[in-house]
C-alpha atoms as a PDB file:
ATOM      1  CA  MET A   1      32.213  -1.965  -4.764  1.00  0.00           C
ATOM      2  CA  GLU A   2      31.071  -1.448  -1.222  1.00  0.00           C
ATOM      3  CA  GLY A   3      28.062  -3.386   0.062  1.00  0.00           C
ATOM      4  CA  ARG A   4      25.327  -1.590   1.957  1.00  0.00           C
ATOM      5  CA  LEU A   5      22.918  -3.016   4.450  1.00  0.00           C
ATOM      6  CA  VAL A   6      19.559  -1.303   4.257  1.00  0.00           C
ATOM      7  CA  LEU A   7      17.160  -2.022   7.080  1.00  0.00           C
ATOM      8  CA  LYS A   8      13.557  -1.230   6.468  1.00  0.00           C
ATOM      9  CA  GLU A   9      11.295  -0.315   9.315  1.00  0.00           C
ATOM     10  CA  LYS A  10       8.738  -2.998  10.100  1.00  0.00           C
ATOM     11  CA  ILE A  11       5.226  -1.739   9.526  1.00  0.00           C
ATOM     12  CA  ILE A  12       2.559  -3.148  11.810  1.00  0.00           C
ATOM     13  CA  ALA A  13      -0.825  -2.908  10.148  1.00  0.00           C
ATOM     14  CA  SER A  14      -4.020  -2.258  12.088  1.00  0.00           C
ATOM     15  CA  ASP A  15      -6.002  -4.148   9.437  1.00  0.00           C
ATOM     16  CA  VAL A  16      -5.388  -6.280   6.331  1.00  0.00           C
ATOM     17  CA  LEU A  17      -7.449  -6.173   3.131  1.00  0.00           C
ATOM     18  CA  ASP A  18      -6.932  -9.116   0.747  1.00  0.00           C
ATOM     19  CA  VAL A  19      -8.082  -8.273  -2.780  1.00  0.00           C
ATOM     20  CA  VAL A  20      -5.899 -10.815  -4.594  1.00  0.00           C
ATOM     21  CA  GLY A  21      -7.626 -11.988  -7.766  1.00  0.00           C
ATOM     22  CA  LEU A  22      -9.734  -8.846  -8.166  1.00  0.00           C
ATOM     23  CA  CYS A  23      -9.252  -6.423 -11.057  1.00  0.00           C
ATOM     24  CA  CYS A  24      -9.576  -2.654 -11.107  1.00  0.00           C
ATOM     25  CA  PRO A  25     -11.650  -0.864 -10.037  1.00  0.00           C
ATOM     26  CA  MET A  26     -12.498  -3.307  -7.206  1.00  0.00           C
ATOM     27  CA  PRO A  27      -9.166  -3.187  -5.284  1.00  0.00           C
ATOM     28  CA  LEU A  28      -9.329   0.618  -5.149  1.00  0.00           C
ATOM     29  CA  ALA A  29     -13.042   0.696  -4.300  1.00  0.00           C
ATOM     30  CA  LEU A  30     -12.634  -1.819  -1.465  1.00  0.00           C
ATOM     31  CA  THR A  31      -9.536   0.006  -0.165  1.00  0.00           C
ATOM     32  CA  MET A  32     -11.513   3.266  -0.082  1.00  0.00           C
ATOM     33  CA  GLU A  33     -14.340   1.586   1.844  1.00  0.00           C
ATOM     34  CA  ARG A  34     -11.999  -0.004   4.376  1.00  0.00           C
ATOM     35  CA  ILE A  35     -10.064   3.233   4.998  1.00  0.00           C
ATOM     36  CA  LYS A  36     -13.370   5.025   5.740  1.00  0.00           C
ATOM     37  CA  GLU A  37     -14.001   2.506   8.550  1.00  0.00           C
ATOM     38  CA  MET A  38     -10.587   3.094  10.143  1.00  0.00           C
ATOM     39  CA  LYS A  39      -9.424   5.753  12.601  1.00  0.00           C
ATOM     40  CA  ASN A  40      -6.842   8.414  11.709  1.00  0.00           C
ATOM     41  CA  SER A  41      -3.249   7.140  11.938  1.00  0.00           C
ATOM     42  CA  GLU A  42      -4.281   3.478  11.631  1.00  0.00           C
ATOM     43  CA  ILE A  43      -2.422   1.481   8.975  1.00  0.00           C
ATOM     44  CA  LEU A  44      -4.052  -0.678   6.315  1.00  0.00           C
ATOM     45  CA  GLU A  45      -2.110  -3.439   4.557  1.00  0.00           C
ATOM     46  CA  VAL A  46      -3.581  -4.212   1.128  1.00  0.00           C
ATOM     47  CA  LEU A  47      -2.682  -7.504  -0.580  1.00  0.00           C
ATOM     48  CA  LEU A  48      -3.258  -7.517  -4.336  1.00  0.00           C
ATOM     49  CA  ASP A  49      -2.024  -8.801  -7.664  1.00  0.00           C
ATOM     50  CA  ASP A  50      -3.559  -6.239 -10.050  1.00  0.00           C
ATOM     51  CA  GLU A  51      -0.767  -3.999 -11.391  1.00  0.00           C
ATOM     52  CA  GLU A  52      -3.203  -1.254 -12.409  1.00  0.00           C
ATOM     53  CA  ALA A  53      -4.391  -0.983  -8.801  1.00  0.00           C
ATOM     54  CA  VAL A  54      -0.753  -0.810  -7.653  1.00  0.00           C
ATOM     55  CA  LEU A  55      -0.541   2.445  -9.639  1.00  0.00           C
ATOM     56  CA  ASP A  56      -4.023   3.780  -8.817  1.00  0.00           C
ATOM     57  CA  ILE A  57      -4.021   3.333  -5.029  1.00  0.00           C
ATOM     58  CA  PRO A  58      -0.973   5.578  -4.341  1.00  0.00           C
ATOM     59  CA  LYS A  59      -2.497   8.284  -6.586  1.00  0.00           C
ATOM     60  CA  TRP A  60      -5.751   8.052  -4.628  1.00  0.00           C
ATOM     61  CA  CYS A  61      -3.834   8.289  -1.329  1.00  0.00           C
ATOM     62  CA  LYS A  62      -2.188  11.514  -2.434  1.00  0.00           C
ATOM     63  CA  LYS A  63      -5.495  12.949  -3.667  1.00  0.00           C
ATOM     64  CA  ASP A  64      -7.431  11.995  -0.519  1.00  0.00           C
ATOM     65  CA  GLY A  65      -4.729  12.935   1.996  1.00  0.00           C
ATOM     66  CA  HIS A  66      -3.624   9.512   3.194  1.00  0.00           C
ATOM     67  CA  ARG A  67       0.005   8.527   3.689  1.00  0.00           C
ATOM     68  CA  PHE A  68       1.201   5.814   1.310  1.00  0.00           C
ATOM     69  CA  LEU A  69       3.957   4.205   3.368  1.00  0.00           C
ATOM     70  CA  ARG A  70       5.388   1.384   1.312  1.00  0.00           C
ATOM     71  CA  LEU A  71       5.050  -0.964  -1.639  1.00  0.00           C
ATOM     72  CA  GLU A  72       6.519  -4.444  -1.341  1.00  0.00           C
ATOM     73  CA  LYS A  73       6.395  -7.364  -3.746  1.00  0.00           C
ATOM     74  CA  GLU A  74       6.640 -11.007  -2.727  1.00  0.00           C
ATOM     75  CA  GLY A  75       6.310 -13.317  -5.707  1.00  0.00           C
ATOM     76  CA  ASP A  76       3.174 -12.272  -7.597  1.00  0.00           C
ATOM     77  CA  ILE A  77       1.630 -10.484  -4.604  1.00  0.00           C
ATOM     78  CA  TYR A  78       1.993  -6.788  -3.849  1.00  0.00           C
ATOM     79  CA  LYS A  79       1.670  -5.393  -0.329  1.00  0.00           C
ATOM     80  CA  LEU A  80       0.670  -1.758  -0.011  1.00  0.00           C
ATOM     81  CA  TYR A  81       0.759   0.011   3.338  1.00  0.00           C
ATOM     82  CA  ILE A  82      -1.490   3.039   3.825  1.00  0.00           C
ATOM     83  CA  LYS A  83      -1.756   5.241   6.898  1.00  0.00           C
ATOM     84  CA  LYS A  84      -5.116   6.961   7.181  1.00  0.00           C
ATOM     85  CA  GLY A  85      -4.641  10.725   7.083  1.00  0.00           C
ATOM     86  CA  GLY A  86      -1.278  12.456   7.116  1.00  0.00           C
ATOM     87  CA  VAL A  87       1.258  13.508   4.517  1.00  0.00           C
ATOM     88  CA  TYR A  88       1.847  11.486   1.352  1.00  0.00           C
ATOM     89  CA  GLU A  89       5.133   9.571   1.382  1.00  0.00           C
ATOM     90  CA  TYR A  90       6.131   6.721  -0.903  1.00  0.00           C
ATOM     91  CA  THR A  91       8.774   4.049  -0.462  1.00  0.00           C
ATOM     92  CA  SER A  92       9.113   1.104  -2.834  1.00  0.00           C
ATOM     93  CA  THR A  93      10.913  -2.127  -2.005  1.00  0.00           C
ATOM     94  CA  THR A  94      10.136  -3.968  -5.224  1.00  0.00           C
ATOM     95  CA  ASN A  95      12.820  -5.346  -7.485  1.00  0.00           C
ATOM     96  CA  ARG A  96      11.365  -3.680 -10.588  1.00  0.00           C
ATOM     97  CA  GLU A  97      13.968  -2.185 -12.904  1.00  0.00           C
END
């Protein structure tokens, strides 16, 4: 079996929204508010631990025309990267099977 090295592009967020400990619908509602305050092409990093919001936020991005860049998981915390405006694109780096 051949090993592969996969390098992921570092995403530099313009702003960070920490909604750890909040349950749906609050993570989505606060993400929507924060995105409204940002300029097109700026990137928002959302930190959360609510698995329902991890599913809802990418759906909202697609519906509202924002680009969902990446989902990462570190321990119990998810990091979602959203680019305001642009085409929907999704990349996951979680270890979920």
